[in-house]
Amino acid sequence: MNRSEYNRLSSPFLSHLARSLYLFIIKPKSDASGRYTIDYAVLIHELSVFALDSNELIYRPGTEEVTAAILNLVKIQLLTINAALDSEHFQNAVVTVISKVHNSGEKMASTARLRQRQHRFAMRADWLPSEQFAELARTGMLINHQYSEAEIAEFRSYWISRGSLNNESEWDYKFIQYLKRRHSRTASITPIYTDTIGLQNK
């Protein structure tokens, strides 16, 4: 449950019946895309309350109450519906759980991003490290992951001439290794552990 969904469910304008209808019936029984077909007989039966000991009927909502609860959920933007809101009833109408639509969209975007990261491609003249580069650099023990235009141009030129195919993470890793070697060659001082604390020229 996301924050927006929680806030809407906490609204004082939402009836207890509407909350129960959403949380225990429509949302869990909707399909992967969030769609659920209204059947009043099913909803009335599932929203009815029976005594635990005697199984005696304590409460059964009417059609009008169920309709009002559905409207309540639509107006507070937890559901959308493929029927006119001034309808007398919503039998066989399809409602859609908004949060499931958003989650489905996020999953699709995440899947597409994963496919993109796994796609292998040749080095390009406009290539840049990915958004994960800084984190990968830390994991790869590259303390200073800053780079100059000259460094990235040299890296691109080297690999363009070779035509190798790598995915996004592999190109990041190769660039990290290149920077580690480059920084190592250009370092003017290195730590030397002696009795005297400090850095000395190599």
Protein backbone atom coordinates (compact mmCIF):
# COMPACT_ATOMS: atom_id res chain seq x y z
CA MET A 1 0.00 0.00 0.00
CA ASN A 2 1.48 3.35 -1.02
CA ARG A 3 1.20 6.62 0.92
CA SER A 4 -1.46 8.11 -1.36
CA GLU A 5 -3.65 5.01 -1.04
CA TYR A 6 -3.23 4.97 2.76
CA ASN A 7 -4.17 8.65 3.04
CA ARG A 8 -7.32 8.15 0.97
CA LEU A 9 -8.36 5.11 3.02
CA SER A 10 -7.85 7.18 6.19
CA SER A 11 -10.23 9.87 4.99
CA PRO A 12 -13.16 10.55 7.37
CA PHE A 13 -15.37 10.85 4.27
CA LEU A 14 -14.89 7.16 3.48
CA SER A 15 -17.49 4.85 5.03
CA HIS A 16 -16.56 1.68 6.90
CA LEU A 17 -18.49 -0.32 4.29
CA ALA A 18 -16.51 1.31 1.48
CA ARG A 19 -13.19 0.53 3.22
CA SER A 20 -14.21 -3.12 3.69
CA LEU A 21 -15.40 -3.35 0.09
CA TYR A 22 -12.06 -2.01 -1.16
CA LEU A 23 -9.63 -3.78 1.19
CA PHE A 24 -11.26 -7.22 1.45
CA ILE A 25 -13.03 -7.71 -1.86
CA ILE A 26 -12.30 -5.45 -4.82
CA LYS A 27 -8.54 -4.89 -4.46
CA PRO A 28 -7.48 -8.47 -3.52
CA LYS A 29 -9.85 -10.07 -6.06
CA SER A 30 -9.08 -7.74 -8.98
CA ASP A 31 -6.85 -9.01 -11.77
CA ALA A 32 -3.22 -8.03 -12.34
CA SER A 33 -4.34 -4.86 -14.13
CA GLY A 34 -6.63 -3.90 -11.24
CA ARG A 35 -9.94 -4.72 -12.99
CA TYR A 36 -12.91 -6.13 -11.09
CA THR A 37 -16.46 -6.80 -12.37
CA ILE A 38 -19.27 -5.76 -10.04
CA ASP A 39 -21.77 -8.45 -9.04
CA TYR A 40 -24.17 -7.24 -6.38
CA ALA A 41 -25.17 -10.73 -5.22
CA VAL A 42 -21.54 -11.60 -4.52
CA LEU A 43 -20.75 -8.26 -2.87
CA ILE A 44 -23.83 -8.31 -0.62
CA HIS A 45 -23.06 -11.86 0.49
CA GLU A 46 -19.39 -11.09 1.22
CA LEU A 47 -20.20 -7.88 3.08
CA SER A 48 -22.84 -9.54 5.26
CA VAL A 49 -21.97 -10.14 8.90
CA PHE A 50 -22.92 -13.36 10.77
CA ALA A 51 -22.66 -14.25 14.46
CA LEU A 52 -19.70 -16.55 15.16
CA ASP A 53 -21.53 -18.84 17.55
CA SER A 54 -24.98 -19.19 15.94
CA ASN A 55 -24.20 -18.09 12.36
CA GLU A 56 -27.18 -15.81 12.69
CA LEU A 57 -27.33 -12.93 10.20
CA ILE A 58 -26.46 -9.68 11.98
CA TYR A 59 -26.07 -7.27 9.07
CA ARG A 60 -26.65 -7.38 5.32
CA PRO A 61 -26.14 -4.27 3.17
CA GLY A 62 -28.71 -3.31 0.58
CA THR A 63 -28.04 -2.61 -3.09
CA GLU A 64 -28.22 1.14 -2.45
CA GLU A 65 -25.57 0.91 0.30
CA VAL A 66 -23.21 -1.03 -1.96
CA THR A 67 -23.76 1.47 -4.77
CA ALA A 68 -23.02 4.36 -2.38
CA ALA A 69 -19.83 2.61 -1.22
CA ILE A 70 -18.65 2.14 -4.82
CA LEU A 71 -19.37 5.81 -5.55
CA ASN A 72 -17.51 6.73 -2.38
CA LEU A 73 -14.42 4.85 -3.60
CA VAL A 74 -14.63 6.41 -7.06
CA LYS A 75 -15.04 9.96 -5.75
CA ILE A 76 -12.11 9.61 -3.38
CA GLN A 77 -10.02 8.32 -6.32
CA LEU A 78 -9.32 4.79 -5.18
CA LEU A 79 -11.28 3.34 -8.13
CA THR A 80 -12.29 4.30 -11.63
CA ILE A 81 -15.44 2.87 -13.22
CA ASN A 82 -16.61 2.31 -16.80
CA ALA A 83 -20.18 3.43 -16.05
CA ALA A 84 -21.95 6.75 -15.56
CA LEU A 85 -21.77 7.91 -11.94
CA ASP A 86 -25.47 8.78 -11.93
CA SER A 87 -26.42 5.17 -12.72
CA GLU A 88 -28.99 3.54 -10.45
CA HIS A 89 -26.72 0.52 -10.03
CA PHE A 90 -23.39 -0.79 -11.34
CA GLN A 91 -24.22 -4.43 -12.00
CA ASN A 92 -21.60 -5.87 -14.42
CA ALA A 93 -19.72 -2.57 -14.52
CA VAL A 94 -15.93 -2.86 -14.39
CA VAL A 95 -14.04 -0.91 -11.75
CA THR A 96 -10.28 -0.48 -11.79
CA VAL A 97 -8.05 -0.22 -8.71
CA ILE A 98 -5.95 2.90 -9.35
CA SER A 99 -3.01 1.82 -7.18
CA LYS A 100 -2.69 -1.44 -9.14
CA VAL A 101 -2.56 0.49 -12.42
CA HIS A 102 0.29 2.62 -11.02
CA ASN A 103 2.12 -0.44 -9.67
CA SER A 104 1.73 -2.18 -13.01
CA GLY A 105 3.18 0.87 -14.79
CA GLU A 106 6.11 1.01 -12.37
CA LYS A 107 6.82 -2.71 -12.88
CA MET A 108 6.74 -2.29 -16.67
CA ALA A 109 9.12 0.67 -16.44
CA SER A 110 11.41 -1.31 -14.15
CA THR A 111 11.37 -4.29 -16.53
CA ALA A 112 12.12 -2.05 -19.51
CA ARG A 113 14.99 -0.44 -17.60
CA LEU A 114 16.41 -3.88 -16.72
CA ARG A 115 16.26 -4.94 -20.39
CA GLN A 116 18.01 -1.71 -21.37
CA ARG A 117 20.78 -2.32 -18.83
CA GLN A 118 21.28 -5.88 -20.13
CA HIS A 119 21.35 -4.82 -23.80
CA ARG A 120 24.84 -5.14 -25.29
CA PHE A 121 26.06 -2.31 -27.52
CA ALA A 122 29.25 -0.95 -29.08
CA MET A 123 30.94 2.11 -27.62
CA ARG A 124 29.52 5.38 -28.96
CA ALA A 125 31.02 8.86 -29.35
CA ASP A 126 28.36 10.26 -26.97
CA TRP A 127 28.56 7.50 -24.31
CA LEU A 128 28.43 8.52 -20.67
CA PRO A 129 28.54 6.39 -17.49
CA SER A 130 25.15 5.27 -16.17
CA GLU A 131 23.25 6.58 -13.15
CA GLN A 132 24.69 3.67 -11.13
CA PHE A 133 28.28 4.64 -11.92
CA ALA A 134 29.07 6.39 -8.61
CA GLU A 135 27.75 3.43 -6.59
CA LEU A 136 29.62 0.93 -8.78
CA ALA A 137 32.79 3.01 -8.42
CA ARG A 138 32.57 2.85 -4.62
CA THR A 139 32.01 -0.92 -4.81
CA GLY A 140 35.01 -1.17 -7.15
CA MET A 141 37.21 0.73 -4.66
CA LEU A 142 37.57 3.76 -6.91
CA ILE A 143 37.65 6.50 -4.28
CA ASN A 144 37.70 9.43 -6.71
CA HIS A 145 35.25 8.69 -9.49
CA GLN A 146 35.43 12.18 -11.04
CA TYR A 147 36.72 12.28 -14.61
CA SER A 148 37.74 14.89 -17.16
CA GLU A 149 36.54 15.40 -20.73
CA ALA A 150 39.97 14.26 -21.93
CA GLU A 151 39.72 11.01 -19.95
CA ILE A 152 36.28 10.06 -21.20
CA ALA A 153 37.23 11.02 -24.77
CA GLU A 154 40.31 8.77 -24.61
CA PHE A 155 38.23 5.91 -23.20
CA ARG A 156 35.58 6.25 -25.91
CA SER A 157 38.17 6.41 -28.71
CA TYR A 158 39.97 3.32 -27.46
CA TRP A 159 36.84 1.18 -27.36
CA ILE A 160 35.21 2.59 -30.52
CA SER A 161 38.26 1.40 -32.45
CA ARG A 162 37.80 -2.12 -31.09
CA GLY A 163 34.06 -2.55 -31.70
CA SER A 164 33.48 -4.57 -28.52
CA LEU A 165 29.92 -5.18 -27.33
CA ASN A 166 29.11 -4.73 -23.65
CA ASN A 167 26.05 -3.92 -21.58
CA GLU A 168 25.63 -0.78 -19.47
CA SER A 169 27.17 -2.21 -16.29
CA GLU A 170 30.09 -3.75 -18.16
CA TRP A 171 30.98 -0.42 -19.80
CA ASP A 172 30.77 1.25 -16.38
CA TYR A 173 33.10 -1.39 -14.95
CA LYS A 174 35.61 -0.95 -17.79
CA PHE A 175 35.61 2.81 -17.26
CA ILE A 176 36.17 2.31 -13.52
CA GLN A 177 39.19 0.11 -14.26
CA TYR A 178 40.50 2.68 -16.75
CA LEU A 179 40.20 5.49 -14.17
CA LYS A 180 41.92 3.39 -11.50
CA ARG A 181 44.88 2.77 -13.80
CA ARG A 182 44.91 6.40 -14.96
CA HIS A 183 44.80 7.83 -11.43
CA SER A 184 47.47 5.39 -10.32
CA ARG A 185 49.84 6.53 -13.12
CA THR A 186 49.29 10.23 -12.46
CA ALA A 187 49.57 10.11 -8.67
CA SER A 188 52.61 12.09 -7.55
CA ILE A 189 52.65 10.75 -4.01
CA THR A 190 51.71 7.48 -2.41
CA PRO A 191 51.41 6.55 1.25
CA ILE A 192 54.56 4.95 2.68
CA TYR A 193 54.32 3.48 6.14
CA THR A 194 57.41 4.44 8.14
CA ASP A 195 58.11 5.56 11.67
CA THR A 196 57.27 9.07 10.51
CA ILE A 197 53.57 9.73 9.92
CA GLY A 198 52.73 11.38 6.62
CA LEU A 199 53.02 11.07 2.87
CA GLN A 200 56.33 10.90 1.07
CA ASN A 201 57.18 11.16 -2.60
CA LYS A 202 57.29 7.82 -4.29
